[in-house]
């Protein structure tokens, strides 16, 4: 589904995001409705690719 507002996202939702001019598959970790922030964990490598996985070692987590 297409989500255009933070209130439409929930913890555990999957989404595609553009970051540093690359497409990334990301999992929603936290949603802060008060500040309209979403914290996501990016999967690696960035797209286009057929296989992705969490970053080995330290998680790649970022507020967007």
Protein backbone atom coordinates (compact mmCIF):
# COMPACT_ATOMS: atom_id res chain seq x y z
CA UNK A 1 0.00 0.00 0.00
CA UNK A 2 1.15 3.56 -0.58
CA UNK A 3 1.74 5.49 2.65
CA UNK A 4 1.98 9.28 2.51
CA UNK A 5 1.89 10.13 6.23
CA UNK A 6 3.74 8.90 9.30
CA UNK A 7 0.43 8.01 10.96
CA UNK A 8 -0.06 5.36 8.26
CA UNK A 9 3.07 3.46 9.36
CA UNK A 10 3.37 0.84 12.10
CA UNK A 11 6.27 -0.91 13.79
CA UNK A 12 7.25 -3.90 11.65
CA UNK A 13 6.05 -2.41 8.34
CA UNK A 14 8.33 -2.84 5.33
CA UNK A 15 9.03 0.09 3.04
CA UNK A 16 11.24 1.27 0.22
CA UNK A 17 13.19 4.44 0.86
CA UNK A 18 15.57 6.64 -1.11
CA UNK A 19 18.65 7.58 0.91
CA UNK A 20 21.90 9.02 -0.51
CA UNK A 21 20.47 8.59 -4.04
CA UNK A 22 19.98 4.81 -3.59
CA UNK A 23 16.86 2.70 -3.12
CA UNK A 24 16.81 0.72 0.13
CA UNK A 25 14.48 -1.89 1.56
CA UNK A 26 13.83 -0.97 5.20
CA UNK A 27 11.86 -2.30 8.17
CA UNK A 28 10.07 0.16 10.45
CA UNK A 29 11.52 -0.10 13.97
CA UNK A 30 9.65 2.76 15.69
CA UNK A 31 7.06 5.40 14.81
CA UNK A 32 6.97 8.73 16.70
CA UNK A 33 3.67 10.38 15.81
CA UNK A 34 4.34 13.42 18.01
CA UNK A 35 7.49 14.38 16.09
CA UNK A 36 6.45 12.75 12.78
CA UNK A 37 9.61 10.59 12.76
CA UNK A 38 10.13 7.00 11.71
CA UNK A 39 13.14 4.90 12.70
CA UNK A 40 14.04 2.22 10.17
CA UNK A 41 16.59 -0.55 9.76
CA UNK A 42 18.06 -0.69 6.26
CA UNK A 43 18.77 -4.03 4.62
CA UNK A 44 21.91 -4.49 2.52
CA UNK A 45 22.93 -4.06 -0.20
CA UNK A 46 20.94 -1.15 -1.61
CA UNK A 47 18.93 -1.85 -4.76
CA UNK A 48 18.47 -2.89 -7.35
CA UNK A 49 19.27 -6.41 -6.15
CA UNK A 50 17.51 -9.75 -5.78
CA UNK A 51 18.78 -10.61 -2.27
CA UNK A 52 18.99 -8.40 0.82
CA UNK A 53 19.87 -9.04 4.47
CA UNK A 54 20.43 -7.09 7.67
CA UNK A 55 23.90 -5.57 8.01
CA UNK A 56 26.36 -7.97 9.65
CA UNK A 57 27.38 -6.78 13.12
CA UNK A 58 26.01 -3.33 14.00
CA UNK A 59 22.48 -2.74 12.68
CA UNK A 60 22.04 0.02 10.12
CA UNK A 61 19.31 2.03 11.90
CA UNK A 62 18.38 5.60 10.99
CA UNK A 63 15.56 8.08 11.70
CA UNK A 64 13.85 9.30 8.52
